[in-house]
Amino acid sequence: MNRVVHPIEVESYRRMRARLDTSHFPPLTRAVVERVVHSAADLDYAGDLVLDEADLEKAHAALHAGAPVVVDVEMVGAGITRRETVCRLKDAESGPGLTRSAHAVRLAYEQVGPGALWVIGNAPTALEELLTLDADPALVIGLPVGFVGAVESKAALRESGLPAVSNVSEKGGSAVAAAALNALLYHPTSAEEKL
């Protein structure tokens, strides 16, 4: 099913591209960078994001083949269109040395198992917990925001060697994490490109 793009979005992308040249990026990288920049109206994301085209290609295939999408908070899930998400934060409890967000990641992993796409835009502790699991993710979009733990958790994600989208600054958040996933959702598959 083709997505209908509103004229405001078309004009917004035109203006963004007039200020930011993304033509040198490979297709999926370009899609993610542009959608994240668009979602935040922040051109600096083009130099702040860390991503790999080969990882994105595998994640794109997994996503379009039906791999589960897990989010750390419902706000991330609300921003992801055209796809159901798993969020276990309402079921989670905090305890000694464990935040609700970290417990929610454990619960979600028990539910979906390996091979999911994980979208973390709020809680660094959720990302930290995911890195302790044997989740074998299709992709981790690790873009938690904040001044405590966000930079460190994203650095740990990059050091883990897992397929990932992250950034090097404190910036991030639900909207940009959802935007990164939506970029993969909206990008056509090879079968759709032939239509």
Protein backbone atom coordinates (compact mmCIF):
# COMPACT_ATOMS: atom_id res chain seq x y z
CA MET A 1 0.00 0.00 0.00
CA ASN A 2 1.47 3.31 -1.05
CA ARG A 3 1.69 6.07 1.52
CA VAL A 4 -0.05 9.34 0.64
CA VAL A 5 2.32 12.21 1.38
CA HIS A 6 0.73 15.50 2.42
CA PRO A 7 1.80 18.62 0.47
CA ILE A 8 3.15 20.19 3.67
CA GLU A 9 5.56 17.28 4.10
CA VAL A 10 6.61 17.55 0.46
CA GLU A 11 7.37 21.26 0.91
CA SER A 12 9.15 20.62 4.20
CA TYR A 13 11.45 18.07 2.57
CA ARG A 14 12.09 20.46 -0.32
CA ARG A 15 13.16 23.19 2.09
CA MET A 16 15.26 20.81 4.15
CA ARG A 17 17.07 19.54 1.04
CA ALA A 18 17.74 23.14 -0.03
CA ARG A 19 19.68 23.56 3.23
CA LEU A 20 21.16 20.07 3.60
CA ASP A 21 22.74 17.97 0.86
CA THR A 22 22.01 14.32 1.55
CA SER A 23 22.60 13.11 -2.01
CA HIS A 24 25.91 11.44 -1.05
CA PHE A 25 24.24 9.05 1.41
CA PRO A 26 23.20 5.55 0.30
CA PRO A 27 19.40 5.10 0.01
CA LEU A 28 18.37 3.82 3.46
CA THR A 29 20.90 5.98 5.28
CA ARG A 30 19.55 8.98 3.41
CA ALA A 31 15.98 8.01 4.27
CA VAL A 32 16.78 7.73 8.00
CA VAL A 33 18.89 10.90 8.14
CA GLU A 34 16.28 12.94 6.31
CA ARG A 35 13.33 11.67 8.35
CA VAL A 36 15.17 12.28 11.65
CA VAL A 37 16.26 15.77 10.57
CA HIS A 38 12.70 16.46 9.40
CA SER A 39 11.14 15.22 12.66
CA ALA A 40 13.28 17.52 14.80
CA ALA A 41 13.88 20.38 12.33
CA ASP A 42 17.51 19.95 13.36
CA LEU A 43 20.06 19.81 10.54
CA ASP A 44 22.82 18.85 12.99
CA TYR A 45 21.49 15.28 13.11
CA ALA A 46 23.05 14.74 9.67
CA GLY A 47 26.48 14.77 11.33
CA ASP A 48 25.39 13.35 14.70
CA LEU A 49 23.80 10.08 13.60
CA VAL A 50 25.83 6.87 13.41
CA LEU A 51 24.42 4.20 11.11
CA ASP A 52 25.50 1.60 8.56
CA GLU A 53 23.76 0.94 5.23
CA ALA A 54 24.29 -2.84 5.41
CA ASP A 55 22.67 -2.94 8.86
CA LEU A 56 19.77 -0.85 7.57
CA GLU A 57 19.28 -3.15 4.57
CA LYS A 58 19.00 -6.22 6.81
CA ALA A 59 16.70 -4.39 9.22
CA HIS A 60 14.53 -3.12 6.36
CA ALA A 61 14.11 -6.69 5.10
CA ALA A 62 13.32 -8.00 8.59
CA LEU A 63 10.82 -5.21 9.24
CA HIS A 64 8.98 -5.79 5.97
CA ALA A 65 9.00 -9.54 6.62
CA GLY A 66 7.08 -8.92 9.85
CA ALA A 67 9.73 -8.81 12.59
CA PRO A 68 8.31 -7.42 15.84
CA VAL A 69 8.94 -3.80 16.78
CA VAL A 70 9.59 -3.11 20.48
CA VAL A 71 9.55 0.40 21.94
CA ASP A 72 10.69 1.64 25.33
CA VAL A 73 7.76 4.01 25.90
CA GLU A 74 4.29 4.40 24.44
CA MET A 75 5.20 7.82 23.06
CA VAL A 76 7.68 6.15 20.70
CA GLY A 77 5.02 3.64 19.71
CA ALA A 78 2.51 6.43 19.07
CA GLY A 79 4.92 7.98 16.58
CA ILE A 80 5.37 4.77 14.61
CA THR A 81 2.73 4.61 11.94
CA ARG A 82 1.54 1.65 9.92
CA ARG A 83 2.87 -0.88 12.43
CA GLU A 84 1.88 -2.37 15.77
CA THR A 85 4.51 -2.13 18.49
CA VAL A 86 5.24 -3.91 21.76
CA CYS A 87 5.65 -1.77 24.88
CA ARG A 88 5.67 -3.42 28.30
CA LEU A 89 6.25 -0.32 30.44
CA LYS A 90 2.76 -0.49 31.99
CA ASP A 91 3.52 -4.01 33.22
CA ALA A 92 6.97 -3.20 34.57
CA GLU A 93 8.05 -2.45 38.12
CA SER A 94 11.17 -0.86 39.48
CA GLY A 95 13.28 -2.54 42.10
CA PRO A 96 16.74 -2.35 43.63
CA GLY A 97 19.13 -1.60 40.78
CA LEU A 98 16.38 -1.91 38.16
CA THR A 99 14.34 0.88 36.61
CA ARG A 100 10.84 0.34 35.24
CA SER A 101 12.23 0.93 31.75
CA ALA A 102 14.85 -1.77 32.19
CA HIS A 103 12.28 -4.21 33.56
CA ALA A 104 10.00 -3.41 30.61
CA VAL A 105 12.81 -4.40 28.23
CA ARG A 106 13.15 -7.74 30.01
CA LEU A 107 9.40 -8.34 29.77
CA ALA A 108 9.34 -7.39 26.09
CA TYR A 109 12.23 -9.71 25.31
CA GLU A 110 10.44 -12.57 27.06
CA GLN A 111 7.45 -11.82 24.81
CA VAL A 112 9.12 -11.35 21.41
CA GLY A 113 12.40 -13.27 21.66
CA PRO A 114 15.30 -12.69 19.25
CA GLY A 115 15.16 -10.92 15.90
CA ALA A 116 13.06 -7.88 16.81
CA LEU A 117 13.68 -4.24 15.97
CA TRP A 118 14.13 -2.28 19.19
CA VAL A 119 13.33 1.44 19.22
CA ILE A 120 14.55 3.27 22.32
CA GLY A 121 14.01 7.01 22.40
CA ASN A 122 13.49 7.83 26.04
CA ALA A 123 15.31 5.77 28.64
CA PRO A 124 19.06 5.15 28.64
CA THR A 125 18.45 2.39 31.21
CA ALA A 126 16.25 0.57 28.69
CA LEU A 127 19.11 0.60 26.19
CA GLU A 128 21.59 -0.48 28.85
CA GLU A 129 19.34 -3.41 29.82
CA LEU A 130 18.88 -4.48 26.20
CA LEU A 131 22.65 -4.73 25.87
CA THR A 132 22.75 -7.29 28.70
CA LEU A 133 20.31 -9.62 26.92
CA ASP A 134 21.01 -12.12 24.17
CA ALA A 135 18.37 -10.39 22.04
CA ASP A 136 20.04 -10.91 18.64
CA PRO A 137 18.16 -7.85 17.32
CA ALA A 138 17.48 -7.12 13.67
CA LEU A 139 18.28 -3.51 14.61
CA VAL A 140 18.52 -1.31 17.68
CA ILE A 141 17.47 2.28 17.18
CA GLY A 142 19.11 3.68 20.28
CA LEU A 143 18.32 7.38 20.50
CA PRO A 144 17.53 8.04 24.17
CA VAL A 145 17.66 11.68 25.17
CA GLY A 146 19.13 13.29 28.24
CA PHE A 147 22.08 14.53 30.22
CA VAL A 148 22.39 11.43 32.44
CA GLY A 149 23.38 8.18 30.78
CA ALA A 150 22.21 8.94 27.24
CA VAL A 151 25.64 9.53 25.66
CA GLU A 152 27.14 6.62 27.57
CA SER A 153 24.38 4.16 26.68
CA LYS A 154 24.62 5.07 22.99
CA ALA A 155 28.41 4.67 23.07
CA ALA A 156 27.93 1.24 24.66
CA LEU A 157 25.49 0.33 21.88
CA ARG A 158 28.04 1.24 19.22
CA GLU A 159 30.78 -0.68 21.06
CA SER A 160 28.52 -3.76 21.30
CA GLY A 161 28.74 -4.41 17.56
CA LEU A 162 24.97 -4.85 17.30
CA PRO A 163 23.27 -3.46 14.17
CA ALA A 164 22.25 0.00 15.26
CA VAL A 165 21.21 3.56 14.63
CA SER A 166 22.51 5.91 17.30
CA ASN A 167 23.95 9.37 17.72
CA VAL A 168 26.88 10.80 19.63
CA SER A 169 25.23 13.71 21.46
CA GLU A 170 22.73 14.00 24.30
CA LYS A 171 20.02 14.66 21.72
CA GLY A 172 17.41 12.11 20.86
CA GLY A 173 13.91 11.40 22.05
CA SER A 174 10.70 9.68 21.14
CA ALA A 175 10.03 11.64 17.96
CA VAL A 176 13.43 11.05 16.40
CA ALA A 177 13.52 7.38 17.39
CA ALA A 178 10.08 6.85 15.84
CA ALA A 179 11.17 8.80 12.76
CA ALA A 180 14.17 6.51 12.23
CA LEU A 181 11.90 3.45 12.28
CA ASN A 182 9.31 5.15 10.07
CA ALA A 183 12.02 5.85 7.49
CA LEU A 184 12.52 2.11 7.15
CA LEU A 185 8.78 1.48 7.09
CA TYR A 186 8.15 4.06 4.38
CA HIS A 187 11.09 3.08 2.19
CA PRO A 188 9.82 0.78 -0.55
CA THR A 189 10.85 -2.83 -0.79
CA SER A 190 12.35 -4.03 -4.06
CA ALA A 191 8.97 -5.56 -4.99
CA GLU A 192 7.24 -2.21 -4.41
CA GLU A 193 9.89 -0.37 -6.43
CA LYS A 194 9.05 -2.57 -9.45
CA LEU A 195 5.38 -1.52 -9.35
